[in-house]
Amino acid sequence: LKPPAFPRAEVIEELHAAVFKDVEPLHNGEWGRATLEMCLAIVESAESGKEIKLRHQVSTVVEEN
């Protein structure tokens, strides 16, 4: 696949819609915390060899109108 003409266009469009059109973003602070938790759990699991329980995961289901 060719690289996109404008990398991260979807992210910028989501931010623009949240700021200027009052659209609830999918990638909010809760999503960021859940993503960080998962990344840290991967590292911890790799180092310890143990399963790491996640506590801050959120749904990413988008309801269509």
PDB file of N, CA and C in Angstrom:
ATOM      1  N   LEU A   1       0.824  -1.188   0.000  1.00  0.00           N
ATOM      2  CA  LEU A   1       0.000   0.000   0.000  1.00  0.00           C
ATOM      3  C   LEU A   1       0.867   1.250   0.000  1.00  0.00           C
ATOM      4  N   LYS A   2       0.401   2.241  -0.704  1.00  0.00           N
ATOM      5  CA  LYS A   2       1.091   3.537  -0.687  1.00  0.00           C
ATOM      6  C   LYS A   2       0.825   4.227   0.646  1.00  0.00           C
ATOM      7  N   PRO A   3       1.798   4.966   1.147  1.00  0.00           N
ATOM      8  CA  PRO A   3       1.534   5.736   2.366  1.00  0.00           C
ATOM      9  C   PRO A   3       0.475   6.793   2.081  1.00  0.00           C
ATOM     10  N   PRO A   4      -0.292   7.159   3.093  1.00  0.00           N
ATOM     11  CA  PRO A   4      -1.336   8.165   2.875  1.00  0.00           C
ATOM     12  C   PRO A   4      -0.733   9.504   2.463  1.00  0.00           C
ATOM     13  N   ALA A   5      -1.488  10.250   1.673  1.00  0.00           N
ATOM     14  CA  ALA A   5      -1.027  11.570   1.236  1.00  0.00           C
ATOM     15  C   ALA A   5      -0.878  12.514   2.432  1.00  0.00           C
ATOM     16  N   PHE A   6      -1.742  12.334   3.414  1.00  0.00           N
ATOM     17  CA  PHE A   6      -1.719  13.193   4.594  1.00  0.00           C
ATOM     18  C   PHE A   6      -1.785  12.293   5.827  1.00  0.00           C
ATOM     19  N   PRO A   7      -0.619  11.904   6.383  1.00  0.00           N
ATOM     20  CA  PRO A   7      -0.616  10.999   7.540  1.00  0.00           C
ATOM     21  C   PRO A   7      -1.435  11.542   8.710  1.00  0.00           C
ATOM     22  N   ARG A   8      -2.156  10.646   9.327  1.00  0.00           N
ATOM     23  CA  ARG A   8      -2.968  10.965  10.508  1.00  0.00           C
ATOM     24  C   ARG A   8      -4.136  11.900  10.205  1.00  0.00           C
ATOM     25  N   ALA A   9      -4.597  11.937   8.979  1.00  0.00           N
ATOM     26  CA  ALA A   9      -5.714  12.810   8.611  1.00  0.00           C
ATOM     27  C   ALA A   9      -6.946  12.513   9.458  1.00  0.00           C
ATOM     28  N   GLU A  10      -7.207  11.219   9.724  1.00  0.00           N
ATOM     29  CA  GLU A  10      -8.386  10.846  10.505  1.00  0.00           C
ATOM     30  C   GLU A  10      -8.310  11.398  11.923  1.00  0.00           C
ATOM     31  N   VAL A  11      -7.123  11.390  12.497  1.00  0.00           N
ATOM     32  CA  VAL A  11      -6.944  11.902  13.861  1.00  0.00           C
ATOM     33  C   VAL A  11      -7.213  13.397  13.890  1.00  0.00           C
ATOM     34  N   ILE A  12      -6.694  14.105  12.921  1.00  0.00           N
ATOM     35  CA  ILE A  12      -6.891  15.557  12.861  1.00  0.00           C
ATOM     36  C   ILE A  12      -8.362  15.881  12.607  1.00  0.00           C
ATOM     37  N   GLU A  13      -9.006  15.104  11.741  1.00  0.00           N
ATOM     38  CA  GLU A  13     -10.435  15.320  11.480  1.00  0.00           C
ATOM     39  C   GLU A  13     -11.266  15.070  12.738  1.00  0.00           C
ATOM     40  N   GLU A  14     -10.897  14.038  13.496  1.00  0.00           N
ATOM     41  CA  GLU A  14     -11.618  13.751  14.746  1.00  0.00           C
ATOM     42  C   GLU A  14     -11.454  14.895  15.746  1.00  0.00           C
ATOM     43  N   LEU A  15     -10.237  15.403  15.882  1.00  0.00           N
ATOM     44  CA  LEU A  15      -9.982  16.532  16.779  1.00  0.00           C
ATOM     45  C   LEU A  15     -10.746  17.771  16.322  1.00  0.00           C
ATOM     46  N   HIS A  16     -10.726  18.048  15.030  1.00  0.00           N
ATOM     47  CA  HIS A  16     -11.437  19.209  14.485  1.00  0.00           C
ATOM     48  C   HIS A  16     -12.936  19.113  14.775  1.00  0.00           C
ATOM     49  N   ALA A  17     -13.509  17.927  14.561  1.00  0.00           N
ATOM     50  CA  ALA A  17     -14.942  17.734  14.806  1.00  0.00           C
ATOM     51  C   ALA A  17     -15.276  17.927  16.282  1.00  0.00           C
ATOM     52  N   ALA A  18     -14.392  17.455  17.166  1.00  0.00           N
ATOM     53  CA  ALA A  18     -14.629  17.607  18.603  1.00  0.00           C
ATOM     54  C   ALA A  18     -14.595  19.069  19.022  1.00  0.00           C
ATOM     55  N   VAL A  19     -13.643  19.811  18.479  1.00  0.00           N
ATOM     56  CA  VAL A  19     -13.476  21.210  18.880  1.00  0.00           C
ATOM     57  C   VAL A  19     -14.508  22.130  18.233  1.00  0.00           C
ATOM     58  N   PHE A  20     -14.725  21.966  16.932  1.00  0.00           N
ATOM     59  CA  PHE A  20     -15.542  22.933  16.205  1.00  0.00           C
ATOM     60  C   PHE A  20     -16.977  22.489  15.928  1.00  0.00           C
ATOM     61  N   LYS A  21     -17.252  21.183  16.056  1.00  0.00           N
ATOM     62  CA  LYS A  21     -18.599  20.690  15.751  1.00  0.00           C
ATOM     63  C   LYS A  21     -19.245  19.994  16.943  1.00  0.00           C
ATOM     64  N   ASP A  22     -18.577  20.058  18.088  1.00  0.00           N
ATOM     65  CA  ASP A  22     -19.095  19.478  19.330  1.00  0.00           C
ATOM     66  C   ASP A  22     -19.434  17.992  19.182  1.00  0.00           C
ATOM     67  N   VAL A  23     -18.574  17.258  18.459  1.00  0.00           N
ATOM     68  CA  VAL A  23     -18.741  15.816  18.269  1.00  0.00           C
ATOM     69  C   VAL A  23     -17.887  15.094  19.306  1.00  0.00           C
ATOM     70  N   GLU A  24     -18.496  14.170  20.041  1.00  0.00           N
ATOM     71  CA  GLU A  24     -17.768  13.404  21.054  1.00  0.00           C
ATOM     72  C   GLU A  24     -16.676  12.571  20.382  1.00  0.00           C
ATOM     73  N   PRO A  25     -15.407  12.753  20.759  1.00  0.00           N
ATOM     74  CA  PRO A  25     -14.341  11.979  20.115  1.00  0.00           C
ATOM     75  C   PRO A  25     -14.313  10.536  20.617  1.00  0.00           C
ATOM     76  N   LEU A  26     -13.973   9.616  19.742  1.00  0.00           N
ATOM     77  CA  LEU A  26     -13.788   8.225  20.146  1.00  0.00           C
ATOM     78  C   LEU A  26     -12.502   8.104  20.969  1.00  0.00           C
ATOM     79  N   HIS A  27     -11.462   8.803  20.567  1.00  0.00           N
ATOM     80  CA  HIS A  27     -10.154   8.725  21.219  1.00  0.00           C
ATOM     81  C   HIS A  27     -10.040   9.847  22.250  1.00  0.00           C
ATOM     82  N   ASN A  28     -10.641   9.627  23.412  1.00  0.00           N
ATOM     83  CA  ASN A  28     -10.636  10.627  24.473  1.00  0.00           C
ATOM     84  C   ASN A  28      -9.614  10.256  25.550  1.00  0.00           C
ATOM     85  N   GLY A  29      -9.648  10.934  26.670  1.00  0.00           N
ATOM     86  CA  GLY A  29      -8.706  10.665  27.741  1.00  0.00           C
ATOM     87  C   GLY A  29      -8.819   9.254  28.296  1.00  0.00           C
ATOM     88  N   GLU A  30     -10.049   8.754  28.434  1.00  0.00           N
ATOM     89  CA  GLU A  30     -10.242   7.387  28.918  1.00  0.00           C
ATOM     90  C   GLU A  30      -9.614   6.377  27.957  1.00  0.00           C
ATOM     91  N   TRP A  31      -9.778   6.608  26.666  1.00  0.00           N
ATOM     92  CA  TRP A  31      -9.195   5.731  25.649  1.00  0.00           C
ATOM     93  C   TRP A  31      -7.665   5.759  25.756  1.00  0.00           C
ATOM     94  N   GLY A  32      -7.105   6.956  25.946  1.00  0.00           N
ATOM     95  CA  GLY A  32      -5.651   7.083  26.080  1.00  0.00           C
ATOM     96  C   GLY A  32      -5.122   6.341  27.297  1.00  0.00           C
ATOM     97  N   ARG A  33      -5.842   6.451  28.417  1.00  0.00           N
ATOM     98  CA  ARG A  33      -5.427   5.740  29.633  1.00  0.00           C
ATOM     99  C   ARG A  33      -5.492   4.231  29.408  1.00  0.00           C
ATOM    100  N   ALA A  34      -6.535   3.749  28.743  1.00  0.00           N
ATOM    101  CA  ALA A  34      -6.677   2.321  28.472  1.00  0.00           C
ATOM    102  C   ALA A  34      -5.560   1.825  27.554  1.00  0.00           C
ATOM    103  N   THR A  35      -5.203   2.636  26.569  1.00  0.00           N
ATOM    104  CA  THR A  35      -4.127   2.266  25.650  1.00  0.00           C
ATOM    105  C   THR A  35      -2.790   2.190  26.382  1.00  0.00           C
ATOM    106  N   LEU A  36      -2.510   3.180  27.220  1.00  0.00           N
ATOM    107  CA  LEU A  36      -1.272   3.176  28.004  1.00  0.00           C
ATOM    108  C   LEU A  36      -1.228   1.973  28.936  1.00  0.00           C
ATOM    109  N   GLU A  37      -2.357   1.674  29.582  1.00  0.00           N
ATOM    110  CA  GLU A  37      -2.410   0.527  30.478  1.00  0.00           C
ATOM    111  C   GLU A  37      -2.055  -0.759  29.726  1.00  0.00           C
ATOM    112  N   MET A  38      -2.602  -0.910  28.525  1.00  0.00           N
ATOM    113  CA  MET A  38      -2.338  -2.113  27.744  1.00  0.00           C
ATOM    114  C   MET A  38      -0.862  -2.200  27.353  1.00  0.00           C
ATOM    115  N   CYS A  39      -0.285  -1.099  26.925  1.00  0.00           N
ATOM    116  CA  CYS A  39       1.136  -1.095  26.538  1.00  0.00           C
ATOM    117  C   CYS A  39       2.025  -1.460  27.726  1.00  0.00           C
ATOM    118  N   LEU A  40       1.748  -0.876  28.883  1.00  0.00           N
ATOM    119  CA  LEU A  40       2.539  -1.178  30.073  1.00  0.00           C
ATOM    120  C   LEU A  40       2.350  -2.625  30.516  1.00  0.00           C
ATOM    121  N   ALA A  41       1.129  -3.154  30.358  1.00  0.00           N
ATOM    122  CA  ALA A  41       0.864  -4.547  30.723  1.00  0.00           C
ATOM    123  C   ALA A  41       1.623  -5.505  29.815  1.00  0.00           C
ATOM    124  N   ILE A  42       1.750  -5.178  28.541  1.00  0.00           N
ATOM    125  CA  ILE A  42       2.512  -6.015  27.613  1.00  0.00           C
ATOM    126  C   ILE A  42       3.968  -6.102  28.068  1.00  0.00           C
ATOM    127  N   VAL A  43       4.543  -4.967  28.421  1.00  0.00           N
ATOM    128  CA  VAL A  43       5.935  -4.951  28.871  1.00  0.00           C
ATOM    129  C   VAL A  43       6.073  -5.728  30.179  1.00  0.00           C
ATOM    130  N   GLU A  44       5.176  -5.478  31.131  1.00  0.00           N
ATOM    131  CA  GLU A  44       5.248  -6.167  32.421  1.00  0.00           C
ATOM    132  C   GLU A  44       5.085  -7.678  32.258  1.00  0.00           C
ATOM    133  N   SER A  45       4.158  -8.085  31.403  1.00  0.00           N
ATOM    134  CA  SER A  45       3.939  -9.509  31.159  1.00  0.00           C
ATOM    135  C   SER A  45       5.161 -10.156  30.508  1.00  0.00           C
ATOM    136  N   ALA A  46       5.768  -9.443  29.576  1.00  0.00           N
ATOM    137  CA  ALA A  46       6.960  -9.971  28.907  1.00  0.00           C
ATOM    138  C   ALA A  46       8.107 -10.149  29.899  1.00  0.00           C
ATOM    139  N   GLU A  47       8.228  -9.222  30.830  1.00  0.00           N
ATOM    140  CA  GLU A  47       9.311  -9.296  31.815  1.00  0.00           C
ATOM    141  C   GLU A  47       9.048 -10.336  32.897  1.00  0.00           C
ATOM    142  N   SER A  48       7.796 -10.469  33.309  1.00  0.00           N
ATOM    143  CA  SER A  48       7.479 -11.363  34.431  1.00  0.00           C
ATOM    144  C   SER A  48       7.001 -12.739  33.984  1.00  0.00           C
ATOM    145  N   GLY A  49       6.514 -12.832  32.746  1.00  0.00           N
ATOM    146  CA  GLY A  49       5.951 -14.091  32.270  1.00  0.00           C
ATOM    147  C   GLY A  49       4.579 -14.375  32.834  1.00  0.00           C
ATOM    148  N   LYS A  50       3.973 -13.379  33.452  1.00  0.00           N
ATOM    149  CA  LYS A  50       2.660 -13.554  34.087  1.00  0.00           C
ATOM    150  C   LYS A  50       1.575 -12.786  33.332  1.00  0.00           C
ATOM    151  N   GLU A  51       0.343 -13.222  33.540  1.00  0.00           N
ATOM    152  CA  GLU A  51      -0.812 -12.513  32.993  1.00  0.00           C
ATOM    153  C   GLU A  51      -1.049 -11.260  33.822  1.00  0.00           C
ATOM    154  N   ILE A  52      -1.305 -10.163  33.155  1.00  0.00           N
ATOM    155  CA  ILE A  52      -1.557  -8.891  33.830  1.00  0.00           C
ATOM    156  C   ILE A  52      -3.026  -8.522  33.633  1.00  0.00           C
ATOM    157  N   LYS A  53      -3.709  -8.290  34.721  1.00  0.00           N
ATOM    158  CA  LYS A  53      -5.123  -7.926  34.633  1.00  0.00           C
ATOM    159  C   LYS A  53      -5.243  -6.440  34.297  1.00  0.00           C
ATOM    160  N   LEU A  54      -6.141  -6.141  33.365  1.00  0.00           N
ATOM    161  CA  LEU A  54      -6.387  -4.761  32.952  1.00  0.00           C
ATOM    162  C   LEU A  54      -7.620  -4.231  33.684  1.00  0.00           C
ATOM    163  N   ARG A  55      -7.559  -2.979  34.126  1.00  0.00           N
ATOM    164  CA  ARG A  55      -8.660  -2.396  34.905  1.00  0.00           C
ATOM    165  C   ARG A  55      -9.279  -1.165  34.273  1.00  0.00           C
ATOM    166  N   HIS A  56      -8.624  -0.593  33.279  1.00  0.00           N
ATOM    167  CA  HIS A  56      -9.094   0.688  32.752  1.00  0.00           C
ATOM    168  C   HIS A  56      -9.526   0.626  31.291  1.00  0.00           C
ATOM    169  N   GLN A  57      -9.895  -0.554  30.801  1.00  0.00           N
ATOM    170  CA  GLN A  57     -10.269  -0.675  29.398  1.00  0.00           C
ATOM    171  C   GLN A  57     -11.667  -0.100  29.166  1.00  0.00           C
ATOM    172  N   VAL A  58     -11.878   0.430  27.978  1.00  0.00           N
ATOM    173  CA  VAL A  58     -13.152   1.066  27.626  1.00  0.00           C
ATOM    174  C   VAL A  58     -13.664   0.477  26.303  1.00  0.00           C
ATOM    175  N   SER A  59     -14.930   0.602  26.085  1.00  0.00           N
ATOM    176  CA  SER A  59     -15.544   0.115  24.855  1.00  0.00           C
ATOM    177  C   SER A  59     -15.212   1.065  23.702  1.00  0.00           C
ATOM    178  N   THR A  60     -15.027   0.514  22.527  1.00  0.00           N
ATOM    179  CA  THR A  60     -14.804   1.347  21.347  1.00  0.00           C
ATOM    180  C   THR A  60     -15.946   1.203  20.346  1.00  0.00           C
ATOM    181  N   VAL A  61     -17.083   0.688  20.816  1.00  0.00           N
ATOM    182  CA  VAL A  61     -18.245   0.522  19.955  1.00  0.00           C
ATOM    183  C   VAL A  61     -18.819   1.890  19.641  1.00  0.00           C
ATOM    184  N   VAL A  62     -18.977   2.169  18.376  1.00  0.00           N
ATOM    185  CA  VAL A  62     -19.540   3.442  17.950  1.00  0.00           C
ATOM    186  C   VAL A  62     -20.981   3.201  17.547  1.00  0.00           C
ATOM    187  N   GLU A  63     -21.894   3.909  18.178  1.00  0.00           N
ATOM    188  CA  GLU A  63     -23.304   3.773  17.839  1.00  0.00           C
ATOM    189  C   GLU A  63     -23.629   4.654  16.642  1.00  0.00           C
ATOM    190  N   GLU A  64     -24.241   4.050  15.649  1.00  0.00           N
ATOM    191  CA  GLU A  64     -24.620   4.799  14.455  1.00  0.00           C
ATOM    192  C   GLU A  64     -26.049   5.271  14.587  1.00  0.00           C
ATOM    193  N   ASN A  65     -26.305   6.488  14.153  1.00  0.00           N
ATOM    194  CA  ASN A  65     -27.666   7.054  14.250  1.00  0.00           C
ATOM    195  C   ASN A  65     -28.529   6.583  13.113  1.00  0.00           C
TER     196      ASN A  65
END
